[in-house]
Amino acid sequence: MSISHQMMKGLLDGAILGLISQGETYGYEILDKLKAQQFPEISDGSIYPVLLRLSKKGYVSSLTKKSDNGGPKRKYYSITDLGLAELEQFKVKWQYLNQGMNNLMRSVDIDDSAQ
């Protein structure tokens, strides 16, 4: 099922901030964690623009380090105080929106609406 680009953009910001708030991480690890949670339509190319946007807004900071396994250097991301505040706002907005959508969907009978 395809999810609208604009809808995914807003959700990815919150999801990635949430993951980074759990501890320092890098792009490919974020991608793996999102896929493990069955987050829809995630590609390698969709993560890095979000990380750049979050960084420009001051929500995350980054540090390039050597890889643990001797591979190429990686950019590790950490959440800032501003990012934590944004994540809290996202969580409040998400709960509000999610509750409203769940209430609405419970009241909609799919079989009746098709007639």
Foldseek 3Di string as FASTA:
>chain_A
DDDDPVVVLLVLLLLLLVVQAVDKDFLVVSQVVCVVVVPPDDDSVVRVVSVVVCVVVVQKDWDWDQDPVRDHITIIIHGDPVNVVVNVVSVVVCVVVVVVVVVVVVPDDVVVVVD
